[in-house]
């Protein structure tokens, strides 16, 4: 029995030894299960403003997608306030969820924990882009695009759901400083990129989710957002 091209390409990382040692019926079952996971894995984008309820909604959603949840944390504790926020978020999550800190490279966490995760929850894209921008403003846009591309590629290969939380930061006043405006513009582009690829996009207002992707109506043909 030949190996499917996608498996030969290195996309499959089973947690069992059926491929090399198991009986043929177990091999067929393992491959069938993998294809089923690939076919049903979803990308979900959850947007909203500060204190809109987006993280709570995303965590509730993740809890419906399986028992094995890997929480991808992008926050960095640079001061006491952020340290307290991180501690509260961790305490509020179910104790059996795995937490992986990945402030710059969440795709690596997906590769590491594929096969032992039903759903990845990244909270949040807002801070990930901020981290990349502050690390090197000159290369931030290129690195952000590459980071998101790597994340989407890792998700497609994982067979697990991926929920991404991000802020909608373009509805308020124009930021006073150039760095703030650069950040607003970059995150807006990244959110468009994610929304175009997502199976569902939810926007939270006062704790109430709106399924904006199903409500979207455009006179134009579907296409990638203009960069």
C-alpha atoms as a PDB file:
ATOM      1  CA  UNK A   1       0.000   0.000   0.000  1.00  0.00           C
ATOM      2  CA  UNK A   2       1.580   3.268  -1.076  1.00  0.00           C
ATOM      3  CA  UNK A   3       1.813   6.312   1.172  1.00  0.00           C
ATOM      4  CA  UNK A   4      -0.450   9.227   0.160  1.00  0.00           C
ATOM      5  CA  UNK A   5       1.523  12.148  -1.256  1.00  0.00           C
ATOM      6  CA  UNK A   6       0.462  14.471   1.568  1.00  0.00           C
ATOM      7  CA  UNK A   7       1.702  11.976   4.135  1.00  0.00           C
ATOM      8  CA  UNK A   8       4.969  11.549   2.303  1.00  0.00           C
ATOM      9  CA  UNK A   9       5.289  15.319   2.361  1.00  0.00           C
ATOM     10  CA  UNK A  10       5.616  15.235   6.109  1.00  0.00           C
ATOM     11  CA  UNK A  11       2.178  16.514   7.101  1.00  0.00           C
ATOM     12  CA  UNK A  12       1.253  13.489   9.225  1.00  0.00           C
ATOM     13  CA  UNK A  13       2.813  13.068  12.641  1.00  0.00           C
ATOM     14  CA  UNK A  14       0.898  10.177  14.255  1.00  0.00           C
ATOM     15  CA  UNK A  15       1.194   9.457  17.951  1.00  0.00           C
ATOM     16  CA  UNK A  16       1.097   5.721  17.279  1.00  0.00           C
ATOM     17  CA  UNK A  17       3.464   3.212  15.665  1.00  0.00           C
ATOM     18  CA  UNK A  18       0.964   1.727  13.227  1.00  0.00           C
ATOM     19  CA  UNK A  19       2.790   2.992  10.158  1.00  0.00           C
ATOM     20  CA  UNK A  20       5.937   0.985  10.694  1.00  0.00           C
ATOM     21  CA  UNK A  21       4.810  -1.922  12.841  1.00  0.00           C
ATOM     22  CA  UNK A  22       1.011  -2.241  13.038  1.00  0.00           C
ATOM     23  CA  UNK A  23      -1.287  -4.599  11.162  1.00  0.00           C
ATOM     24  CA  UNK A  24      -2.662  -3.333   7.867  1.00  0.00           C
ATOM     25  CA  UNK A  25      -6.195  -2.804   9.177  1.00  0.00           C
ATOM     26  CA  UNK A  26      -4.822  -0.580  11.932  1.00  0.00           C
ATOM     27  CA  UNK A  27      -2.830   1.373   9.369  1.00  0.00           C
ATOM     28  CA  UNK A  28      -5.934   1.941   7.250  1.00  0.00           C
ATOM     29  CA  UNK A  29      -7.848   3.038  10.354  1.00  0.00           C
ATOM     30  CA  UNK A  30      -5.109   5.487  11.377  1.00  0.00           C
ATOM     31  CA  UNK A  31      -4.964   7.062   7.907  1.00  0.00           C
ATOM     32  CA  UNK A  32      -8.774   7.226   7.730  1.00  0.00           C
ATOM     33  CA  UNK A  33      -8.955   8.957  11.106  1.00  0.00           C
ATOM     34  CA  UNK A  34      -6.308  11.461  10.025  1.00  0.00           C
ATOM     35  CA  UNK A  35      -8.158  12.336   6.820  1.00  0.00           C
ATOM     36  CA  UNK A  36     -11.385  12.759   8.766  1.00  0.00           C
ATOM     37  CA  UNK A  37      -9.715  15.149  11.211  1.00  0.00           C
ATOM     38  CA  UNK A  38      -8.205  17.112   8.327  1.00  0.00           C
ATOM     39  CA  UNK A  39     -11.613  17.399   6.656  1.00  0.00           C
ATOM     40  CA  UNK A  40     -13.449  18.616   9.743  1.00  0.00           C
ATOM     41  CA  UNK A  41     -10.815  20.842  11.409  1.00  0.00           C
ATOM     42  CA  UNK A  42     -11.997  24.443  11.552  1.00  0.00           C
ATOM     43  CA  UNK A  43     -10.387  27.858  11.728  1.00  0.00           C
ATOM     44  CA  UNK A  44     -12.443  30.236  13.864  1.00  0.00           C
ATOM     45  CA  UNK A  45     -11.707  33.962  14.261  1.00  0.00           C
ATOM     46  CA  UNK A  46     -13.153  35.786  17.263  1.00  0.00           C
ATOM     47  CA  UNK A  47     -13.028  39.594  17.101  1.00  0.00           C
ATOM     48  CA  UNK A  48     -14.120  42.335  19.464  1.00  0.00           C
ATOM     49  CA  UNK A  49     -13.086  45.382  21.415  1.00  0.00           C
ATOM     50  CA  UNK A  50     -11.644  45.524  24.913  1.00  0.00           C
ATOM     51  CA  UNK A  51     -13.864  43.788  27.484  1.00  0.00           C
ATOM     52  CA  UNK A  52     -16.298  42.712  24.794  1.00  0.00           C
ATOM     53  CA  UNK A  53     -16.361  39.102  26.008  1.00  0.00           C
ATOM     54  CA  UNK A  54     -14.306  37.682  23.143  1.00  0.00           C
ATOM     55  CA  UNK A  55     -11.918  35.603  25.295  1.00  0.00           C
ATOM     56  CA  UNK A  56     -14.779  34.148  27.347  1.00  0.00           C
ATOM     57  CA  UNK A  57     -16.667  33.259  24.172  1.00  0.00           C
ATOM     58  CA  UNK A  58     -13.549  31.709  22.603  1.00  0.00           C
ATOM     59  CA  UNK A  59     -12.924  29.572  25.695  1.00  0.00           C
ATOM     60  CA  UNK A  60     -16.547  28.415  25.761  1.00  0.00           C
ATOM     61  CA  UNK A  61     -16.325  27.570  22.076  1.00  0.00           C
ATOM     62  CA  UNK A  62     -13.074  25.641  22.562  1.00  0.00           C
ATOM     63  CA  UNK A  63     -14.654  23.574  25.327  1.00  0.00           C
ATOM     64  CA  UNK A  64     -17.184  22.236  22.803  1.00  0.00           C
ATOM     65  CA  UNK A  65     -14.480  21.065  20.396  1.00  0.00           C
ATOM     66  CA  UNK A  66     -12.951  18.305  22.513  1.00  0.00           C
ATOM     67  CA  UNK A  67     -11.223  17.529  25.784  1.00  0.00           C
ATOM     68  CA  UNK A  68      -7.630  18.148  24.723  1.00  0.00           C
ATOM     69  CA  UNK A  69      -7.264  21.925  24.508  1.00  0.00           C
ATOM     70  CA  UNK A  70      -3.932  23.663  24.010  1.00  0.00           C
ATOM     71  CA  UNK A  71      -4.019  27.341  24.932  1.00  0.00           C
ATOM     72  CA  UNK A  72      -1.486  29.428  22.980  1.00  0.00           C
ATOM     73  CA  UNK A  73      -0.632  32.437  25.136  1.00  0.00           C
ATOM     74  CA  UNK A  74       1.019  35.402  23.415  1.00  0.00           C
ATOM     75  CA  UNK A  75       1.091  37.845  26.342  1.00  0.00           C
ATOM     76  CA  UNK A  76       4.378  38.784  28.005  1.00  0.00           C
ATOM     77  CA  UNK A  77       4.515  39.913  31.632  1.00  0.00           C
ATOM     78  CA  UNK A  78       6.512  43.131  31.470  1.00  0.00           C
ATOM     79  CA  UNK A  79       4.883  44.749  34.516  1.00  0.00           C
ATOM     80  CA  UNK A  80       2.796  43.910  37.586  1.00  0.00           C
ATOM     81  CA  UNK A  81      -0.523  44.683  35.898  1.00  0.00           C
ATOM     82  CA  UNK A  82       0.140  42.286  33.016  1.00  0.00           C
ATOM     83  CA  UNK A  83       1.433  39.670  35.428  1.00  0.00           C
ATOM     84  CA  UNK A  84      -1.856  39.871  37.344  1.00  0.00           C
ATOM     85  CA  UNK A  85      -3.907  39.700  34.135  1.00  0.00           C
ATOM     86  CA  UNK A  86      -2.037  36.608  32.959  1.00  0.00           C
ATOM     87  CA  UNK A  87      -2.475  34.927  36.353  1.00  0.00           C
ATOM     88  CA  UNK A  88      -6.228  35.628  36.334  1.00  0.00           C
ATOM     89  CA  UNK A  89      -6.665  34.291  32.807  1.00  0.00           C
ATOM     90  CA  UNK A  90      -4.781  31.121  33.724  1.00  0.00           C
ATOM     91  CA  UNK A  91      -6.838  30.632  36.904  1.00  0.00           C
ATOM     92  CA  UNK A  92     -10.085  31.062  34.970  1.00  0.00           C
ATOM     93  CA  UNK A  93      -9.230  28.337  32.447  1.00  0.00           C
ATOM     94  CA  UNK A  94      -9.942  24.643  33.084  1.00  0.00           C
ATOM     95  CA  UNK A  95      -7.054  23.057  34.974  1.00  0.00           C
ATOM     96  CA  UNK A  96      -6.613  20.238  32.450  1.00  0.00           C
ATOM     97  CA  UNK A  97      -5.976  22.602  29.531  1.00  0.00           C
ATOM     98  CA  UNK A  98      -2.368  22.789  28.395  1.00  0.00           C
ATOM     99  CA  UNK A  99      -0.890  26.311  28.253  1.00  0.00           C
ATOM    100  CA  UNK A 100       2.004  27.064  25.899  1.00  0.00           C
ATOM    101  CA  UNK A 101       3.638  30.487  25.939  1.00  0.00           C
ATOM    102  CA  UNK A 102       4.441  31.518  22.365  1.00  0.00           C
ATOM    103  CA  UNK A 103       4.791  35.307  22.117  1.00  0.00           C
ATOM    104  CA  UNK A 104       6.467  35.187  18.700  1.00  0.00           C
ATOM    105  CA  UNK A 105       6.036  31.795  17.009  1.00  0.00           C
ATOM    106  CA  UNK A 106       2.718  30.013  17.642  1.00  0.00           C
ATOM    107  CA  UNK A 107       3.196  27.766  14.597  1.00  0.00           C
ATOM    108  CA  UNK A 108       5.991  25.952  16.437  1.00  0.00           C
ATOM    109  CA  UNK A 109       3.575  25.130  19.257  1.00  0.00           C
ATOM    110  CA  UNK A 110       1.094  23.647  16.779  1.00  0.00           C
ATOM    111  CA  UNK A 111       3.792  21.436  15.301  1.00  0.00           C
ATOM    112  CA  UNK A 112       4.903  20.323  18.769  1.00  0.00           C
ATOM    113  CA  UNK A 113       1.444  19.442  20.066  1.00  0.00           C
ATOM    114  CA  UNK A 114      -0.249  18.143  16.922  1.00  0.00           C
ATOM    115  CA  UNK A 115      -1.665  14.695  17.573  1.00  0.00           C
ATOM    116  CA  UNK A 116      -2.344  15.415  21.229  1.00  0.00           C
ATOM    117  CA  UNK A 117      -4.686  18.388  20.788  1.00  0.00           C
ATOM    118  CA  UNK A 118      -8.309  18.563  19.668  1.00  0.00           C
ATOM    119  CA  UNK A 119      -8.435  22.359  19.598  1.00  0.00           C
ATOM    120  CA  UNK A 120      -5.833  25.108  19.766  1.00  0.00           C
ATOM    121  CA  UNK A 121      -6.895  28.462  21.204  1.00  0.00           C
ATOM    122  CA  UNK A 122      -4.621  31.413  20.432  1.00  0.00           C
ATOM    123  CA  UNK A 123      -5.252  34.418  22.666  1.00  0.00           C
ATOM    124  CA  UNK A 124      -4.439  36.752  21.238  1.00  0.00           C
ATOM    125  CA  UNK A 125      -3.328  37.827  17.772  1.00  0.00           C
ATOM    126  CA  UNK A 126      -3.418  41.423  19.042  1.00  0.00           C
ATOM    127  CA  UNK A 127      -0.451  40.876  21.339  1.00  0.00           C
ATOM    128  CA  UNK A 128       1.375  38.631  18.886  1.00  0.00           C
ATOM    129  CA  UNK A 129       1.461  41.413  16.298  1.00  0.00           C
ATOM    130  CA  UNK A 130       2.428  43.920  19.001  1.00  0.00           C
ATOM    131  CA  UNK A 131       5.310  41.667  20.054  1.00  0.00           C
ATOM    132  CA  UNK A 132       6.580  41.411  16.486  1.00  0.00           C
ATOM    133  CA  UNK A 133       6.254  45.155  15.928  1.00  0.00           C
ATOM    134  CA  UNK A 134       8.142  46.026  19.098  1.00  0.00           C
ATOM    135  CA  UNK A 135      10.830  43.441  18.389  1.00  0.00           C
ATOM    136  CA  UNK A 136      11.744  45.095  15.076  1.00  0.00           C
ATOM    137  CA  UNK A 137       9.553  47.793  13.610  1.00  0.00           C
ATOM    138  CA  UNK A 138      11.377  47.788  10.263  1.00  0.00           C
ATOM    139  CA  UNK A 139      10.604  44.125   9.538  1.00  0.00           C
ATOM    140  CA  UNK A 140       7.366  43.808  11.515  1.00  0.00           C
ATOM    141  CA  UNK A 141       4.961  43.683   8.571  1.00  0.00           C
ATOM    142  CA  UNK A 142       6.925  41.037   6.677  1.00  0.00           C
ATOM    143  CA  UNK A 143       7.458  38.985   9.836  1.00  0.00           C
ATOM    144  CA  UNK A 144       3.799  39.274  10.786  1.00  0.00           C
ATOM    145  CA  UNK A 145       2.639  38.056   7.398  1.00  0.00           C
ATOM    146  CA  UNK A 146       5.099  35.161   7.510  1.00  0.00           C
ATOM    147  CA  UNK A 147       4.096  34.283  11.074  1.00  0.00           C
ATOM    148  CA  UNK A 148       0.427  34.148  10.098  1.00  0.00           C
ATOM    149  CA  UNK A 149       1.184  32.132   6.957  1.00  0.00           C
ATOM    150  CA  UNK A 150       3.199  29.653   9.045  1.00  0.00           C
ATOM    151  CA  UNK A 151       0.369  29.446  11.576  1.00  0.00           C
ATOM    152  CA  UNK A 152      -2.254  28.733   8.909  1.00  0.00           C
ATOM    153  CA  UNK A 153      -0.017  26.114   7.297  1.00  0.00           C
ATOM    154  CA  UNK A 154       0.548  24.424  10.660  1.00  0.00           C
ATOM    155  CA  UNK A 155      -3.189  24.455  11.327  1.00  0.00           C
ATOM    156  CA  UNK A 156      -4.013  22.812   8.011  1.00  0.00           C
ATOM    157  CA  UNK A 157      -1.491  20.058   8.790  1.00  0.00           C
ATOM    158  CA  UNK A 158      -2.624  19.539  12.381  1.00  0.00           C
ATOM    159  CA  UNK A 159      -6.105  18.091  11.946  1.00  0.00           C
ATOM    160  CA  UNK A 160      -7.161  20.127  15.005  1.00  0.00           C
ATOM    161  CA  UNK A 161      -9.409  23.152  15.292  1.00  0.00           C
ATOM    162  CA  UNK A 162      -7.784  26.556  15.732  1.00  0.00           C
ATOM    163  CA  UNK A 163      -9.577  29.451  17.413  1.00  0.00           C
ATOM    164  CA  UNK A 164      -7.871  32.836  17.135  1.00  0.00           C
ATOM    165  CA  UNK A 165      -8.839  35.807  19.300  1.00  0.00           C
ATOM    166  CA  UNK A 166      -8.023  39.281  17.992  1.00  0.00           C
ATOM    167  CA  UNK A 167      -9.044  42.860  18.701  1.00  0.00           C
ATOM    168  CA  UNK A 168     -10.818  45.165  16.304  1.00  0.00           C
ATOM    169  CA  UNK A 169      -8.759  48.309  16.849  1.00  0.00           C
ATOM    170  CA  UNK A 170      -9.885  50.414  13.889  1.00  0.00           C
ATOM    171  CA  UNK A 171     -13.152  51.803  15.251  1.00  0.00           C
ATOM    172  CA  UNK A 172     -11.800  54.446  17.593  1.00  0.00           C
ATOM    173  CA  UNK A 173      -9.743  57.616  17.264  1.00  0.00           C
ATOM    174  CA  UNK A 174      -6.760  57.751  14.956  1.00  0.00           C
ATOM    175  CA  UNK A 175      -3.682  56.954  17.085  1.00  0.00           C
ATOM    176  CA  UNK A 176      -1.631  60.032  17.910  1.00  0.00           C
ATOM    177  CA  UNK A 177       1.790  58.511  17.241  1.00  0.00           C
ATOM    178  CA  UNK A 178       3.253  56.880  14.087  1.00  0.00           C
ATOM    179  CA  UNK A 179       3.915  53.574  15.863  1.00  0.00           C
ATOM    180  CA  UNK A 180       0.303  53.397  16.996  1.00  0.00           C
ATOM    181  CA  UNK A 181      -0.961  54.073  13.491  1.00  0.00           C
ATOM    182  CA  UNK A 182       1.408  51.456  12.062  1.00  0.00           C
ATOM    183  CA  UNK A 183       0.120  48.933  14.583  1.00  0.00           C
ATOM    184  CA  UNK A 184      -3.541  49.702  13.866  1.00  0.00           C
ATOM    185  CA  UNK A 185      -2.999  49.350  10.120  1.00  0.00           C
ATOM    186  CA  UNK A 186      -0.973  46.143  10.412  1.00  0.00           C
ATOM    187  CA  UNK A 187      -3.418  44.410  12.730  1.00  0.00           C
ATOM    188  CA  UNK A 188      -6.294  45.416  10.457  1.00  0.00           C
ATOM    189  CA  UNK A 189      -4.570  43.763   7.499  1.00  0.00           C
ATOM    190  CA  UNK A 190      -3.836  40.626   9.513  1.00  0.00           C
ATOM    191  CA  UNK A 191      -7.445  40.406  10.693  1.00  0.00           C
ATOM    192  CA  UNK A 192      -8.609  40.647   7.073  1.00  0.00           C
ATOM    193  CA  UNK A 193      -6.224  37.873   6.107  1.00  0.00           C
ATOM    194  CA  UNK A 194      -7.471  35.624   8.907  1.00  0.00           C
ATOM    195  CA  UNK A 195     -11.136  36.403   8.222  1.00  0.00           C
ATOM    196  CA  UNK A 196     -10.728  35.470   4.568  1.00  0.00           C
ATOM    197  CA  UNK A 197      -9.332  32.056   5.544  1.00  0.00           C
ATOM    198  CA  UNK A 198     -11.615  31.362   8.520  1.00  0.00           C
ATOM    199  CA  UNK A 199     -14.555  28.987   8.441  1.00  0.00           C
ATOM    200  CA  UNK A 200     -16.423  31.299  10.820  1.00  0.00           C
ATOM    201  CA  UNK A 201     -15.857  34.815  12.146  1.00  0.00           C
ATOM    202  CA  UNK A 202     -17.576  35.991  15.310  1.00  0.00           C
ATOM    203  CA  UNK A 203     -17.702  39.608  16.460  1.00  0.00           C
ATOM    204  CA  UNK A 204     -18.448  40.212  20.149  1.00  0.00           C
ATOM    205  CA  UNK A 205     -20.455  43.237  21.294  1.00  0.00           C
ATOM    206  CA  UNK A 206     -21.259  43.493  25.019  1.00  0.00           C
ATOM    207  CA  UNK A 207     -20.789  39.759  25.368  1.00  0.00           C
ATOM    208  CA  UNK A 208     -23.096  38.922  22.455  1.00  0.00           C
ATOM    209  CA  UNK A 209     -21.568  37.085  19.478  1.00  0.00           C
ATOM    210  CA  UNK A 210     -22.483  37.961  15.905  1.00  0.00           C
ATOM    211  CA  UNK A 211     -21.616  35.490  13.147  1.00  0.00           C
ATOM    212  CA  UNK A 212     -20.368  38.171  10.765  1.00  0.00           C
ATOM    213  CA  UNK A 213     -19.006  35.868   8.090  1.00  0.00           C
ATOM    214  CA  UNK A 214     -22.387  34.282   7.495  1.00  0.00           C
ATOM    215  CA  UNK A 215     -23.936  37.765   7.424  1.00  0.00           C
ATOM    216  CA  UNK A 216     -21.361  39.197   5.029  1.00  0.00           C
ATOM    217  CA  UNK A 217     -22.681  40.262   1.642  1.00  0.00           C
ATOM    218  CA  UNK A 218     -20.474  41.558  -1.151  1.00  0.00           C
ATOM    219  CA  UNK A 219     -21.251  42.527  -4.757  1.00  0.00           C
ATOM    220  CA  UNK A 220     -17.763  41.334  -5.711  1.00  0.00           C
ATOM    221  CA  UNK A 221     -16.418  37.865  -6.317  1.00  0.00           C
ATOM    222  CA  UNK A 222     -14.745  36.253  -3.274  1.00  0.00           C
ATOM    223  CA  UNK A 223     -11.077  37.109  -3.198  1.00  0.00           C
ATOM    224  CA  UNK A 224      -8.202  37.737  -0.880  1.00  0.00           C
ATOM    225  CA  UNK A 225      -8.246  41.142   0.848  1.00  0.00           C
ATOM    226  CA  UNK A 226      -6.127  43.798  -0.799  1.00  0.00           C
ATOM    227  CA  UNK A 227      -2.769  44.104   0.948  1.00  0.00           C
END
